[in-house]
């Protein structure tokens, strides 16, 4: 599996959540149609498992997308690694 560019005129946020030795965190990168990173985040999470940490990261990604004004001009794709999180969001 490899990373794919978003369609022309779209943005794409890749997010993930991890838990290691009872510590959780999440991160994400927002890229434009050319693959250029437009925003990054990384930080701790209060989540108790990786799926919830990834769900929290999805929320952070949406807040950044809206807060930076992208929501008014560009549609967004969010790519998550967990099928469970994908189903929760569907």
PDB file of N, CA and C in Angstrom:
ATOM      1  N   UNK A   1       0.843  -1.171   0.000  1.00  0.00           N
ATOM      2  CA  UNK A   1       0.000   0.000   0.000  1.00  0.00           C
ATOM      3  C   UNK A   1       0.889   1.234   0.000  1.00  0.00           C
ATOM      4  N   UNK A   2       0.518   2.208  -0.785  1.00  0.00           N
ATOM      5  CA  UNK A   2       1.295   3.442  -0.838  1.00  0.00           C
ATOM      6  C   UNK A   2       0.363   4.648  -0.738  1.00  0.00           C
ATOM      7  N   UNK A   3       0.953   5.773  -0.392  1.00  0.00           N
ATOM      8  CA  UNK A   3       0.189   6.995  -0.254  1.00  0.00           C
ATOM      9  C   UNK A   3      -0.251   7.465  -1.636  1.00  0.00           C
ATOM     10  N   UNK A   4      -1.470   7.973  -1.711  1.00  0.00           N
ATOM     11  CA  UNK A   4      -1.995   8.499  -2.976  1.00  0.00           C
ATOM     12  C   UNK A   4      -2.361   9.968  -2.804  1.00  0.00           C
ATOM     13  N   UNK A   5      -2.116  10.727  -3.846  1.00  0.00           N
ATOM     14  CA  UNK A   5      -2.474  12.138  -3.849  1.00  0.00           C
ATOM     15  C   UNK A   5      -3.997  12.280  -3.788  1.00  0.00           C
ATOM     16  N   UNK A   6      -4.474  13.362  -3.172  1.00  0.00           N
ATOM     17  CA  UNK A   6      -5.918  13.631  -3.242  1.00  0.00           C
ATOM     18  C   UNK A   6      -6.267  14.121  -4.648  1.00  0.00           C
ATOM     19  N   UNK A   7      -7.546  14.076  -4.995  1.00  0.00           N
ATOM     20  CA  UNK A   7      -7.958  14.607  -6.304  1.00  0.00           C
ATOM     21  C   UNK A   7      -7.650  16.105  -6.401  1.00  0.00           C
ATOM     22  N   UNK A   8      -7.565  16.597  -7.638  1.00  0.00           N
ATOM     23  CA  UNK A   8      -7.327  18.034  -7.873  1.00  0.00           C
ATOM     24  C   UNK A   8      -8.354  18.868  -7.116  1.00  0.00           C
ATOM     25  N   UNK A   9      -7.873  19.885  -6.406  1.00  0.00           N
ATOM     26  CA  UNK A   9      -8.749  20.779  -5.674  1.00  0.00           C
ATOM     27  C   UNK A   9      -9.112  20.294  -4.277  1.00  0.00           C
ATOM     28  N   UNK A  10      -8.639  19.115  -3.890  1.00  0.00           N
ATOM     29  CA  UNK A  10      -8.938  18.540  -2.578  1.00  0.00           C
ATOM     30  C   UNK A  10      -7.707  18.610  -1.680  1.00  0.00           C
ATOM     31  N   UNK A  11      -7.947  18.431  -0.385  1.00  0.00           N
ATOM     32  CA  UNK A  11      -6.888  18.263   0.611  1.00  0.00           C
ATOM     33  C   UNK A  11      -7.049  16.886   1.233  1.00  0.00           C
ATOM     34  N   UNK A  12      -5.954  16.372   1.788  1.00  0.00           N
ATOM     35  CA  UNK A  12      -5.999  15.050   2.406  1.00  0.00           C
ATOM     36  C   UNK A  12      -5.264  15.086   3.733  1.00  0.00           C
ATOM     37  N   UNK A  13      -5.940  14.633   4.783  1.00  0.00           N
ATOM     38  CA  UNK A  13      -5.343  14.510   6.108  1.00  0.00           C
ATOM     39  C   UNK A  13      -5.120  13.031   6.384  1.00  0.00           C
ATOM     40  N   UNK A  14      -3.873  12.650   6.621  1.00  0.00           N
ATOM     41  CA  UNK A  14      -3.546  11.307   7.092  1.00  0.00           C
ATOM     42  C   UNK A  14      -3.372  11.402   8.592  1.00  0.00           C
ATOM     43  N   UNK A  15      -4.098  10.580   9.345  1.00  0.00           N
ATOM     44  CA  UNK A  15      -4.021  10.608  10.807  1.00  0.00           C
ATOM     45  C   UNK A  15      -3.733   9.213  11.345  1.00  0.00           C
ATOM     46  N   UNK A  16      -3.141   9.174  12.533  1.00  0.00           N
ATOM     47  CA  UNK A  16      -2.942   7.891  13.208  1.00  0.00           C
ATOM     48  C   UNK A  16      -2.921   8.117  14.708  1.00  0.00           C
ATOM     49  N   UNK A  17      -3.169   7.052  15.411  1.00  0.00           N
ATOM     50  CA  UNK A  17      -3.094   7.048  16.867  1.00  0.00           C
ATOM     51  C   UNK A  17      -2.303   5.831  17.302  1.00  0.00           C
ATOM     52  N   UNK A  18      -1.516   5.984  18.347  1.00  0.00           N
ATOM     53  CA  UNK A  18      -0.688   4.883  18.842  1.00  0.00           C
ATOM     54  C   UNK A  18      -0.734   4.830  20.362  1.00  0.00           C
ATOM     55  N   UNK A  19      -0.523   3.628  20.875  1.00  0.00           N
ATOM     56  CA  UNK A  19      -0.351   3.434  22.312  1.00  0.00           C
ATOM     57  C   UNK A  19       0.875   2.550  22.481  1.00  0.00           C
ATOM     58  N   UNK A  20       1.780   2.988  23.344  1.00  0.00           N
ATOM     59  CA  UNK A  20       2.996   2.233  23.624  1.00  0.00           C
ATOM     60  C   UNK A  20       3.320   2.383  25.099  1.00  0.00           C
ATOM     61  N   UNK A  21       3.464   1.267  25.778  1.00  0.00           N
ATOM     62  CA  UNK A  21       3.779   1.255  27.205  1.00  0.00           C
ATOM     63  C   UNK A  21       2.855   2.184  27.996  1.00  0.00           C
ATOM     64  N   UNK A  22       1.550   2.032  27.756  1.00  0.00           N
ATOM     65  CA  UNK A  22       0.487   2.751  28.467  1.00  0.00           C
ATOM     66  C   UNK A  22       0.466   4.258  28.200  1.00  0.00           C
ATOM     67  N   UNK A  23       1.167   4.711  27.175  1.00  0.00           N
ATOM     68  CA  UNK A  23       1.113   6.118  26.782  1.00  0.00           C
ATOM     69  C   UNK A  23       0.552   6.203  25.373  1.00  0.00           C
ATOM     70  N   UNK A  24      -0.395   7.117  25.191  1.00  0.00           N
ATOM     71  CA  UNK A  24      -1.063   7.259  23.897  1.00  0.00           C
ATOM     72  C   UNK A  24      -0.715   8.592  23.252  1.00  0.00           C
ATOM     73  N   UNK A  25      -0.802   8.615  21.927  1.00  0.00           N
ATOM     74  CA  UNK A  25      -0.563   9.850  21.196  1.00  0.00           C
ATOM     75  C   UNK A  25      -1.179   9.762  19.816  1.00  0.00           C
ATOM     76  N   UNK A  26      -1.183  10.878  19.135  1.00  0.00           N
ATOM     77  CA  UNK A  26      -1.726  10.923  17.786  1.00  0.00           C
ATOM     78  C   UNK A  26      -0.985  11.942  16.955  1.00  0.00           C
ATOM     79  N   UNK A  27      -1.127  11.784  15.657  1.00  0.00           N
ATOM     80  CA  UNK A  27      -0.473  12.724  14.754  1.00  0.00           C
ATOM     81  C   UNK A  27      -1.220  12.771  13.441  1.00  0.00           C
ATOM     82  N   UNK A  28      -0.909  13.793  12.674  1.00  0.00           N
ATOM     83  CA  UNK A  28      -1.539  13.923  11.371  1.00  0.00           C
ATOM     84  C   UNK A  28      -0.767  14.875  10.481  1.00  0.00           C
ATOM     85  N   UNK A  29      -0.955  14.709   9.187  1.00  0.00           N
ATOM     86  CA  UNK A  29      -0.367  15.611   8.200  1.00  0.00           C
ATOM     87  C   UNK A  29      -1.433  15.925   7.149  1.00  0.00           C
ATOM     88  N   UNK A  30      -1.589  17.213   6.855  1.00  0.00           N
ATOM     89  CA  UNK A  30      -2.508  17.693   5.826  1.00  0.00           C
ATOM     90  C   UNK A  30      -1.686  18.005   4.584  1.00  0.00           C
ATOM     91  N   UNK A  31      -2.072  17.407   3.466  1.00  0.00           N
ATOM     92  CA  UNK A  31      -1.355  17.647   2.202  1.00  0.00           C
ATOM     93  C   UNK A  31      -2.322  18.151   1.138  1.00  0.00           C
ATOM     94  N   UNK A  32      -1.764  18.965   0.251  1.00  0.00           N
ATOM     95  CA  UNK A  32      -2.578  19.474  -0.850  1.00  0.00           C
ATOM     96  C   UNK A  32      -2.514  18.515  -2.035  1.00  0.00           C
ATOM     97  N   UNK A  33      -3.120  18.922  -3.136  1.00  0.00           N
ATOM     98  CA  UNK A  33      -3.211  18.071  -4.327  1.00  0.00           C
ATOM     99  C   UNK A  33      -1.854  17.728  -4.934  1.00  0.00           C
ATOM    100  N   UNK A  34      -0.824  18.506  -4.607  1.00  0.00           N
ATOM    101  CA  UNK A  34       0.531  18.237  -5.096  1.00  0.00           C
ATOM    102  C   UNK A  34       1.367  17.450  -4.095  1.00  0.00           C
ATOM    103  N   UNK A  35       0.775  17.092  -2.962  1.00  0.00           N
ATOM    104  CA  UNK A  35       1.494  16.346  -1.938  1.00  0.00           C
ATOM    105  C   UNK A  35       2.288  17.207  -0.979  1.00  0.00           C
ATOM    106  N   UNK A  36       2.139  18.524  -1.081  1.00  0.00           N
ATOM    107  CA  UNK A  36       2.864  19.457  -0.206  1.00  0.00           C
ATOM    108  C   UNK A  36       2.176  19.496   1.158  1.00  0.00           C
ATOM    109  N   UNK A  37       2.966  19.314   2.219  1.00  0.00           N
ATOM    110  CA  UNK A  37       2.421  19.369   3.580  1.00  0.00           C
ATOM    111  C   UNK A  37       2.017  20.798   3.906  1.00  0.00           C
ATOM    112  N   UNK A  38       0.770  20.977   4.337  1.00  0.00           N
ATOM    113  CA  UNK A  38       0.236  22.292   4.685  1.00  0.00           C
ATOM    114  C   UNK A  38       0.038  22.464   6.185  1.00  0.00           C
ATOM    115  N   UNK A  39      -0.058  21.353   6.911  1.00  0.00           N
ATOM    116  CA  UNK A  39      -0.206  21.408   8.373  1.00  0.00           C
ATOM    117  C   UNK A  39       0.232  20.069   8.954  1.00  0.00           C
ATOM    118  N   UNK A  40       0.788  20.114  10.148  1.00  0.00           N
ATOM    119  CA  UNK A  40       1.211  18.926  10.884  1.00  0.00           C
ATOM    120  C   UNK A  40       0.780  19.063  12.326  1.00  0.00           C
ATOM    121  N   UNK A  41       0.501  17.951  12.970  1.00  0.00           N
ATOM    122  CA  UNK A  41       0.307  17.969  14.413  1.00  0.00           C
ATOM    123  C   UNK A  41       0.777  16.648  14.988  1.00  0.00           C
ATOM    124  N   UNK A  42       1.162  16.693  16.235  1.00  0.00           N
ATOM    125  CA  UNK A  42       1.585  15.504  16.969  1.00  0.00           C
ATOM    126  C   UNK A  42       1.480  15.827  18.444  1.00  0.00           C
ATOM    127  N   UNK A  43       0.958  14.888  19.216  1.00  0.00           N
ATOM    128  CA  UNK A  43       0.861  15.162  20.643  1.00  0.00           C
ATOM    129  C   UNK A  43       0.280  14.002  21.418  1.00  0.00           C
ATOM    130  N   UNK A  44       0.286  14.140  22.735  1.00  0.00           N
ATOM    131  CA  UNK A  44      -0.244  13.087  23.603  1.00  0.00           C
ATOM    132  C   UNK A  44      -1.765  13.024  23.531  1.00  0.00           C
ATOM    133  N   UNK A  45      -2.293  11.882  23.954  1.00  0.00           N
ATOM    134  CA  UNK A  45      -3.739  11.669  23.981  1.00  0.00           C
ATOM    135  C   UNK A  45      -4.104  11.005  25.297  1.00  0.00           C
ATOM    136  N   UNK A  46      -5.298  11.290  25.778  1.00  0.00           N
ATOM    137  CA  UNK A  46      -5.807  10.650  26.989  1.00  0.00           C
ATOM    138  C   UNK A  46      -6.434   9.285  26.688  1.00  0.00           C
ATOM    139  N   UNK A  47      -6.451   8.892  25.423  1.00  0.00           N
ATOM    140  CA  UNK A  47      -7.077   7.635  25.010  1.00  0.00           C
ATOM    141  C   UNK A  47      -6.387   6.444  25.672  1.00  0.00           C
ATOM    142  N   UNK A  48      -7.157   5.388  25.843  1.00  0.00           N
ATOM    143  CA  UNK A  48      -6.630   4.173  26.459  1.00  0.00           C
ATOM    144  C   UNK A  48      -6.247   3.111  25.439  1.00  0.00           C
ATOM    145  N   UNK A  49      -6.629   3.304  24.169  1.00  0.00           N
ATOM    146  CA  UNK A  49      -6.207   2.357  23.134  1.00  0.00           C
ATOM    147  C   UNK A  49      -5.963   3.114  21.826  1.00  0.00           C
ATOM    148  N   UNK A  50      -5.305   2.438  20.889  1.00  0.00           N
ATOM    149  CA  UNK A  50      -4.894   3.083  19.646  1.00  0.00           C
ATOM    150  C   UNK A  50      -6.081   3.549  18.810  1.00  0.00           C
ATOM    151  N   UNK A  51      -7.196   2.792  18.827  1.00  0.00           N
ATOM    152  CA  UNK A  51      -8.362   3.188  18.037  1.00  0.00           C
ATOM    153  C   UNK A  51      -8.934   4.518  18.524  1.00  0.00           C
ATOM    154  N   UNK A  52      -9.043   4.665  19.835  1.00  0.00           N
ATOM    155  CA  UNK A  52      -9.549   5.934  20.368  1.00  0.00           C
ATOM    156  C   UNK A  52      -8.559   7.069  20.148  1.00  0.00           C
ATOM    157  N   UNK A  53      -7.262   6.773  20.233  1.00  0.00           N
ATOM    158  CA  UNK A  53      -6.251   7.795  19.949  1.00  0.00           C
ATOM    159  C   UNK A  53      -6.358   8.256  18.497  1.00  0.00           C
ATOM    160  N   UNK A  54      -6.622   7.319  17.580  1.00  0.00           N
ATOM    161  CA  UNK A  54      -6.789   7.681  16.178  1.00  0.00           C
ATOM    162  C   UNK A  54      -8.074   8.485  15.967  1.00  0.00           C
ATOM    163  N   UNK A  55      -9.127   8.127  16.656  1.00  0.00           N
ATOM    164  CA  UNK A  55     -10.363   8.897  16.580  1.00  0.00           C
ATOM    165  C   UNK A  55     -10.136  10.319  17.098  1.00  0.00           C
ATOM    166  N   UNK A  56      -9.403  10.457  18.190  1.00  0.00           N
ATOM    167  CA  UNK A  56      -9.061  11.790  18.711  1.00  0.00           C
ATOM    168  C   UNK A  56      -8.255  12.581  17.683  1.00  0.00           C
ATOM    169  N   UNK A  57      -7.315  11.912  17.018  1.00  0.00           N
ATOM    170  CA  UNK A  57      -6.511  12.575  15.985  1.00  0.00           C
ATOM    171  C   UNK A  57      -7.379  13.061  14.837  1.00  0.00           C
ATOM    172  N   UNK A  58      -8.405  12.304  14.504  1.00  0.00           N
ATOM    173  CA  UNK A  58      -9.332  12.713  13.455  1.00  0.00           C
ATOM    174  C   UNK A  58     -10.044  14.008  13.855  1.00  0.00           C
ATOM    175  N   UNK A  59     -10.432  14.100  15.118  1.00  0.00           N
ATOM    176  CA  UNK A  59     -11.053  15.332  15.617  1.00  0.00           C
ATOM    177  C   UNK A  59     -10.117  16.519  15.551  1.00  0.00           C
ATOM    178  N   UNK A  60      -8.858  16.311  15.922  1.00  0.00           N
ATOM    179  CA  UNK A  60      -7.859  17.391  15.841  1.00  0.00           C
ATOM    180  C   UNK A  60      -7.692  17.824  14.385  1.00  0.00           C
ATOM    181  N   UNK A  61      -7.633  16.854  13.474  1.00  0.00           N
ATOM    182  CA  UNK A  61      -7.482  17.172  12.053  1.00  0.00           C
ATOM    183  C   UNK A  61      -8.639  18.036  11.557  1.00  0.00           C
ATOM    184  N   UNK A  62      -9.865  17.686  11.945  1.00  0.00           N
ATOM    185  CA  UNK A  62     -11.031  18.478  11.533  1.00  0.00           C
ATOM    186  C   UNK A  62     -10.983  19.888  12.105  1.00  0.00           C
ATOM    187  N   UNK A  63     -10.557  20.008  13.358  1.00  0.00           N
ATOM    188  CA  UNK A  63     -10.437  21.342  13.966  1.00  0.00           C
ATOM    189  C   UNK A  63      -9.404  22.196  13.237  1.00  0.00           C
ATOM    190  N   UNK A  64      -8.264  21.609  12.891  1.00  0.00           N
ATOM    191  CA  UNK A  64      -7.241  22.355  12.154  1.00  0.00           C
ATOM    192  C   UNK A  64      -7.741  22.766  10.774  1.00  0.00           C
ATOM    193  N   UNK A  65      -8.366  21.827  10.082  1.00  0.00           N
ATOM    194  CA  UNK A  65      -8.900  22.084   8.745  1.00  0.00           C
ATOM    195  C   UNK A  65      -9.873  23.259   8.764  1.00  0.00           C
ATOM    196  N   UNK A  66     -10.775  23.243   9.706  1.00  0.00           N
ATOM    197  CA  UNK A  66     -11.748  24.330   9.808  1.00  0.00           C
ATOM    198  C   UNK A  66     -11.097  25.618  10.311  1.00  0.00           C
ATOM    199  N   UNK A  67     -10.253  25.502  11.336  1.00  0.00           N
ATOM    200  CA  UNK A  67      -9.626  26.678  11.940  1.00  0.00           C
ATOM    201  C   UNK A  67      -8.687  27.420  11.010  1.00  0.00           C
ATOM    202  N   UNK A  68      -8.090  26.711  10.055  1.00  0.00           N
ATOM    203  CA  UNK A  68      -7.177  27.350   9.102  1.00  0.00           C
ATOM    204  C   UNK A  68      -7.912  27.934   7.896  1.00  0.00           C
ATOM    205  N   UNK A  69      -9.247  27.772   7.860  1.00  0.00           N
ATOM    206  CA  UNK A  69     -10.033  28.344   6.773  1.00  0.00           C
ATOM    207  C   UNK A  69     -10.122  27.484   5.529  1.00  0.00           C
ATOM    208  N   UNK A  70      -9.567  26.278   5.550  1.00  0.00           N
ATOM    209  CA  UNK A  70      -9.613  25.413   4.382  1.00  0.00           C
ATOM    210  C   UNK A  70     -11.027  24.918   4.088  1.00  0.00           C
ATOM    211  N   UNK A  71     -11.860  24.815   5.115  1.00  0.00           N
ATOM    212  CA  UNK A  71     -13.204  24.250   4.944  1.00  0.00           C
ATOM    213  C   UNK A  71     -14.062  25.065   3.983  1.00  0.00           C
ATOM    214  N   UNK A  72     -13.743  26.331   3.805  1.00  0.00           N
ATOM    215  CA  UNK A  72     -14.539  27.191   2.927  1.00  0.00           C
ATOM    216  C   UNK A  72     -14.123  27.099   1.465  1.00  0.00           C
ATOM    217  N   UNK A  73     -12.983  26.446   1.187  1.00  0.00           N
ATOM    218  CA  UNK A  73     -12.514  26.439  -0.203  1.00  0.00           C
ATOM    219  C   UNK A  73     -12.182  25.067  -0.773  1.00  0.00           C
ATOM    220  N   UNK A  74     -11.854  24.110   0.075  1.00  0.00           N
ATOM    221  CA  UNK A  74     -11.364  22.825  -0.438  1.00  0.00           C
ATOM    222  C   UNK A  74     -12.018  21.656   0.288  1.00  0.00           C
ATOM    223  N   UNK A  75     -12.559  20.696  -0.448  1.00  0.00           N
ATOM    224  CA  UNK A  75     -13.075  19.493   0.210  1.00  0.00           C
ATOM    225  C   UNK A  75     -11.927  18.691   0.817  1.00  0.00           C
ATOM    226  N   UNK A  76     -12.254  17.849   1.794  1.00  0.00           N
ATOM    227  CA  UNK A  76     -11.238  17.132   2.565  1.00  0.00           C
ATOM    228  C   UNK A  76     -11.462  15.625   2.533  1.00  0.00           C
ATOM    229  N   UNK A  77     -10.384  14.897   2.335  1.00  0.00           N
ATOM    230  CA  UNK A  77     -10.348  13.450   2.546  1.00  0.00           C
ATOM    231  C   UNK A  77      -9.577  13.205   3.832  1.00  0.00           C
ATOM    232  N   UNK A  78     -10.043  12.276   4.649  1.00  0.00           N
ATOM    233  CA  UNK A  78      -9.294  11.881   5.846  1.00  0.00           C
ATOM    234  C   UNK A  78      -8.977  10.407   5.705  1.00  0.00           C
ATOM    235  N   UNK A  79      -7.704  10.078   5.800  1.00  0.00           N
ATOM    236  CA  UNK A  79      -7.274   8.694   5.708  1.00  0.00           C
ATOM    237  C   UNK A  79      -6.846   8.225   7.089  1.00  0.00           C
ATOM    238  N   UNK A  80      -7.490   7.162   7.557  1.00  0.00           N
ATOM    239  CA  UNK A  80      -7.159   6.562   8.853  1.00  0.00           C
ATOM    240  C   UNK A  80      -6.626   5.164   8.605  1.00  0.00           C
ATOM    241  N   UNK A  81      -5.843   4.659   9.544  1.00  0.00           N
ATOM    242  CA  UNK A  81      -5.254   3.344   9.383  1.00  0.00           C
ATOM    243  C   UNK A  81      -6.112   2.210   9.907  1.00  0.00           C
ATOM    244  N   UNK A  82      -7.045   2.508  10.775  1.00  0.00           N
ATOM    245  CA  UNK A  82      -7.852   1.479  11.431  1.00  0.00           C
ATOM    246  C   UNK A  82      -9.196   1.300  10.736  1.00  0.00           C
ATOM    247  N   UNK A  83      -9.508   0.070  10.363  1.00  0.00           N
ATOM    248  CA  UNK A  83     -10.827  -0.207   9.783  1.00  0.00           C
ATOM    249  C   UNK A  83     -11.940   0.058  10.785  1.00  0.00           C
ATOM    250  N   UNK A  84     -11.661  -0.174  12.066  1.00  0.00           N
ATOM    251  CA  UNK A  84     -12.660   0.074  13.109  1.00  0.00           C
ATOM    252  C   UNK A  84     -12.994   1.565  13.160  1.00  0.00           C
ATOM    253  N   UNK A  85     -11.974   2.426  13.167  1.00  0.00           N
ATOM    254  CA  UNK A  85     -12.209   3.867  13.200  1.00  0.00           C
ATOM    255  C   UNK A  85     -12.956   4.288  11.932  1.00  0.00           C
ATOM    256  N   UNK A  86     -12.570   3.724  10.778  1.00  0.00           N
ATOM    257  CA  UNK A  86     -13.264   4.031   9.525  1.00  0.00           C
ATOM    258  C   UNK A  86     -14.750   3.732   9.647  1.00  0.00           C
ATOM    259  N   UNK A  87     -15.097   2.587  10.206  1.00  0.00           N
ATOM    260  CA  UNK A  87     -16.508   2.204  10.388  1.00  0.00           C
ATOM    261  C   UNK A  87     -17.221   3.127  11.362  1.00  0.00           C
ATOM    262  N   UNK A  88     -16.524   3.545  12.425  1.00  0.00           N
ATOM    263  CA  UNK A  88     -17.123   4.488  13.382  1.00  0.00           C
ATOM    264  C   UNK A  88     -17.477   5.799  12.686  1.00  0.00           C
ATOM    265  N   UNK A  89     -16.635   6.228  11.751  1.00  0.00           N
ATOM    266  CA  UNK A  89     -16.837   7.515  11.081  1.00  0.00           C
ATOM    267  C   UNK A  89     -17.822   7.417   9.935  1.00  0.00           C
ATOM    268  N   UNK A  90     -18.105   6.233   9.466  1.00  0.00           N
ATOM    269  CA  UNK A  90     -19.002   6.048   8.310  1.00  0.00           C
ATOM    270  C   UNK A  90     -20.455   6.227   8.694  1.00  0.00           C
TER     271      UNK A  90
END
